[in-house]
Amino acid sequence: QNAGNVDKHTRHIQCQRKVKHLLRETRKICGHLVVVTAIENRLGKLCYQIYIPSHSATIKFSITDSTLLKLLTNCDQREANIYDSCDSSMIVKMLTDRIKIWPRYKAITHMGVPIKPTTFARKHWFRGK
């Protein structure tokens, strides 16, 4: 038997993950320090998981084809070329730059805090002696 020939009756098992991790990074989005994880399912569906440690909150969402088409209507030529290449690792970078978290960090941290009246407000609102 030749060592170079592979037996036709030998079976090979290949194990694959169900998802492909495309991106995992820490960044600031709208003032929030977050951990962004992007994965691609076997079907080519892009999914995001955003963890906000300051609030112990996790946001999960997936990118649909209609969402990508909406982004294409408002993109430049470079982004259109990235989309046309069908390279999911490049598309994820483009999409991650457009993620917004509402309400912004400042709106959450300053919500419910009394605002000190300015000098102008003191003159007009507080008419004491």
Foldseek 3Di string as FASTA:
>chain_A
DDPPDDDPPDDDDDDDDQKAWQDWDWDAALNFTWTWTWIAGPVRKIKIWIAGVVVRDIDIDIQDPVNVVVVVVPDDPVLVVVVVVSPVSSVVVVVVVVDHDPPGPVCVVCPPPDDDDDPVCCVVPPPDD
